[in-house]
Amino acid sequence: MTERTESNVVRKTMSVPEAGRLLGISRNSAYAAAARGELPTIRIGHKLLVPKAALERMLSGEGKAA
């Protein structure tokens, strides 16, 4: 999930639609999952962003009760 911008800076977040594409779900489904707390997000101003590290932890199953 490493993405570099033009200035060669590694992005630590992605947009909700980008996360949805990565997960194979629609934009609307991704926003709905974010609203339900199923997709980890942070808000900066008007932007809703998905931290890549939190998404990777979620996908690996870390933090889930056994």
Protein backbone atom coordinates (compact mmCIF):
# COMPACT_ATOMS: atom_id res chain seq x y z
CA MET A 1 0.00 0.00 0.00
CA THR A 2 2.96 2.35 -0.36
CA GLU A 3 2.16 5.26 -2.62
CA ARG A 4 4.55 8.08 -3.35
CA THR A 5 3.45 11.53 -4.48
CA GLU A 6 5.25 13.69 -7.03
CA SER A 7 7.50 15.12 -4.30
CA ASN A 8 8.46 11.54 -3.31
CA VAL A 9 6.61 11.76 0.02
CA VAL A 10 4.94 8.55 1.20
CA ARG A 11 1.23 9.09 1.86
CA LYS A 12 0.05 7.68 5.19
CA THR A 13 -3.65 8.05 4.40
CA MET A 14 -6.05 7.46 1.55
CA SER A 15 -9.48 8.76 0.72
CA VAL A 16 -12.58 6.74 1.56
CA PRO A 17 -13.25 6.03 -2.16
CA GLU A 18 -9.61 4.86 -2.57
CA ALA A 19 -10.05 2.50 0.40
CA GLY A 20 -13.30 1.26 -1.12
CA ARG A 21 -11.57 0.47 -4.42
CA LEU A 22 -8.82 -1.36 -2.53
CA LEU A 23 -11.44 -3.39 -0.67
CA GLY A 24 -13.50 -4.05 -3.80
CA ILE A 25 -16.56 -2.14 -2.60
CA SER A 26 -18.37 0.86 -4.03
CA ARG A 27 -17.80 4.45 -2.97
CA ASN A 28 -21.20 4.54 -1.26
CA SER A 29 -20.54 1.27 0.56
CA ALA A 30 -17.17 2.59 1.74
CA TYR A 31 -18.76 5.77 3.15
CA ALA A 32 -21.50 3.69 4.79
CA ALA A 33 -18.88 1.40 6.37
CA ALA A 34 -17.01 4.48 7.62
CA ALA A 35 -20.21 5.88 9.15
CA ARG A 36 -20.83 2.55 10.95
CA GLY A 37 -17.26 2.50 12.26
CA GLU A 38 -16.36 -0.57 10.19
CA LEU A 39 -13.74 1.37 8.23
CA PRO A 40 -11.11 3.23 10.31
CA THR A 41 -11.18 6.95 9.57
CA ILE A 42 -9.89 10.28 10.80
CA ARG A 43 -11.34 13.68 9.98
CA ILE A 44 -9.11 16.62 9.13
CA GLY A 45 -11.21 19.66 8.37
CA HIS A 46 -13.82 18.57 5.83
CA LYS A 47 -11.73 15.60 4.68
CA LEU A 48 -12.49 12.08 5.86
CA LEU A 49 -9.33 9.98 5.50
CA VAL A 50 -8.45 6.34 6.06
CA PRO A 51 -5.07 5.80 7.79
CA LYS A 52 -3.24 3.08 5.85
CA ALA A 53 -1.72 1.55 9.00
CA ALA A 54 -5.13 1.22 10.67
CA LEU A 55 -6.62 -0.35 7.53
CA GLU A 56 -3.74 -2.82 7.32
CA ARG A 57 -4.22 -3.76 11.02
CA MET A 58 -7.94 -4.21 10.45
CA LEU A 59 -7.36 -6.43 7.42
CA SER A 60 -4.78 -8.55 9.23
CA GLY A 61 -7.22 -9.18 12.07
CA GLU A 62 -5.08 -7.50 14.72
CA GLY A 63 -6.96 -6.25 17.75
CA LYS A 64 -9.88 -8.66 17.39
CA ALA A 65 -10.96 -10.68 20.41
CA ALA A 66 -10.47 -14.43 20.03
